[in-house]
Amino acid sequence: MRLRRQELIDLVAQNAVKIREKKGMSQSQLARLCGKHRQSIQRFEAGLMNPSLYFLHVIAMKLDVSISELVNVPKIKTTSKQTKK
């Protein structure tokens, strides 16, 4: 089983929200730290944009986590049928 594009975007967005809220930070505060508009953070967290690697780097840096932690997606087991083409 493979994650679809939107599923992956949503998982990363959910991780970002959890981390931001755990740090007690608002979307506006994160946006200000990142030099972005609050609407950009809002769209990212709502899964309405496909963030660039650089965008993820900036978000992770300002949340004081690694990109790996930000994009931490559960490993999905594949069957031999799924790996054959």
Protein backbone atom coordinates (compact mmCIF):
# COMPACT_ATOMS: atom_id res chain seq x y z
CA MET A 1 0.00 0.00 0.00
CA ARG A 2 1.31 3.41 -0.97
CA LEU A 3 0.26 6.70 0.48
CA ARG A 4 -1.45 8.93 -1.97
CA ARG A 5 -0.07 12.42 -2.46
CA GLN A 6 -2.82 14.12 -0.45
CA GLU A 7 -2.57 11.58 2.36
CA LEU A 8 1.13 12.33 2.73
CA ILE A 9 0.52 16.09 2.67
CA ASP A 10 -2.18 15.68 5.34
CA LEU A 11 0.07 13.55 7.59
CA VAL A 12 2.90 16.09 7.43
CA ALA A 13 0.44 18.92 8.11
CA GLN A 14 -0.97 17.07 11.13
CA ASN A 15 2.53 16.51 12.48
CA ALA A 16 3.28 20.22 12.12
CA VAL A 17 0.11 21.20 13.98
CA LYS A 18 0.86 18.78 16.84
CA ILE A 19 4.42 20.02 17.18
CA ARG A 20 3.44 23.70 16.96
CA GLU A 21 0.67 23.30 19.55
CA LYS A 22 2.95 21.28 21.85
CA LYS A 23 5.35 24.22 21.77
CA GLY A 24 2.48 26.59 22.67
CA MET A 25 2.86 28.55 19.45
CA SER A 26 0.11 30.10 17.36
CA GLN A 27 0.00 30.07 13.57
CA SER A 28 0.69 33.81 13.61
CA GLN A 29 3.77 33.37 15.80
CA LEU A 30 5.14 30.60 13.58
CA ALA A 31 4.44 32.66 10.47
CA ARG A 32 6.27 35.64 11.91
CA LEU A 33 9.29 33.50 12.82
CA CYS A 34 9.35 32.00 9.33
CA GLY A 35 8.88 35.28 7.52
CA LYS A 36 5.62 34.01 6.02
CA HIS A 37 2.02 35.19 6.07
CA ARG A 38 -0.26 33.46 8.56
CA GLN A 39 -2.37 32.32 5.61
CA SER A 40 0.61 30.32 4.28
CA ILE A 41 0.89 28.46 7.58
CA GLN A 42 -2.88 28.03 7.70
CA ARG A 43 -2.96 26.56 4.16
CA PHE A 44 -0.01 24.28 4.96
CA GLU A 45 -1.61 22.97 8.16
CA ALA A 46 -4.94 22.47 6.39
CA GLY A 47 -3.23 20.32 3.76
CA LEU A 48 -4.11 22.78 1.02
CA MET A 49 -0.58 23.15 -0.31
CA ASN A 50 2.26 20.85 -1.25
CA PRO A 51 5.15 22.40 0.68
CA SER A 52 8.60 22.61 -0.84
CA LEU A 53 11.56 21.02 0.89
CA TYR A 54 12.84 24.49 1.73
CA PHE A 55 9.46 25.44 3.29
CA LEU A 56 9.61 22.29 5.44
CA HIS A 57 13.19 23.10 6.40
CA VAL A 58 12.21 26.59 7.58
CA ILE A 59 9.18 25.30 9.50
CA ALA A 60 11.24 22.54 11.16
CA MET A 61 14.02 24.97 12.06
CA LYS A 62 11.60 27.45 13.66
CA LEU A 63 9.83 24.64 15.54
CA ASP A 64 13.25 23.41 16.70
CA VAL A 65 12.77 19.90 15.27
CA SER A 66 14.42 17.99 12.46
CA ILE A 67 12.76 17.67 9.07
CA SER A 68 12.60 13.94 9.82
CA GLU A 69 10.46 14.61 12.87
CA LEU A 70 8.23 16.96 10.91
CA VAL A 71 7.63 14.48 8.10
CA ASN A 72 7.52 11.44 10.39
CA VAL A 73 5.15 9.14 8.53
CA PRO A 74 4.36 5.63 9.74
CA LYS A 75 6.06 2.92 7.73
CA ILE A 76 3.63 1.05 5.56
CA LYS A 77 4.30 -2.61 4.99
CA THR A 78 4.19 -3.74 1.41
CA THR A 79 3.32 -7.17 0.15
CA SER A 80 5.22 -8.91 -2.59
CA LYS A 81 2.35 -8.14 -4.98
CA GLN A 82 2.74 -4.42 -4.32
CA THR A 83 6.48 -4.41 -4.95
CA LYS A 84 6.20 -6.25 -8.30
CA LYS A 85 5.42 -4.32 -11.45
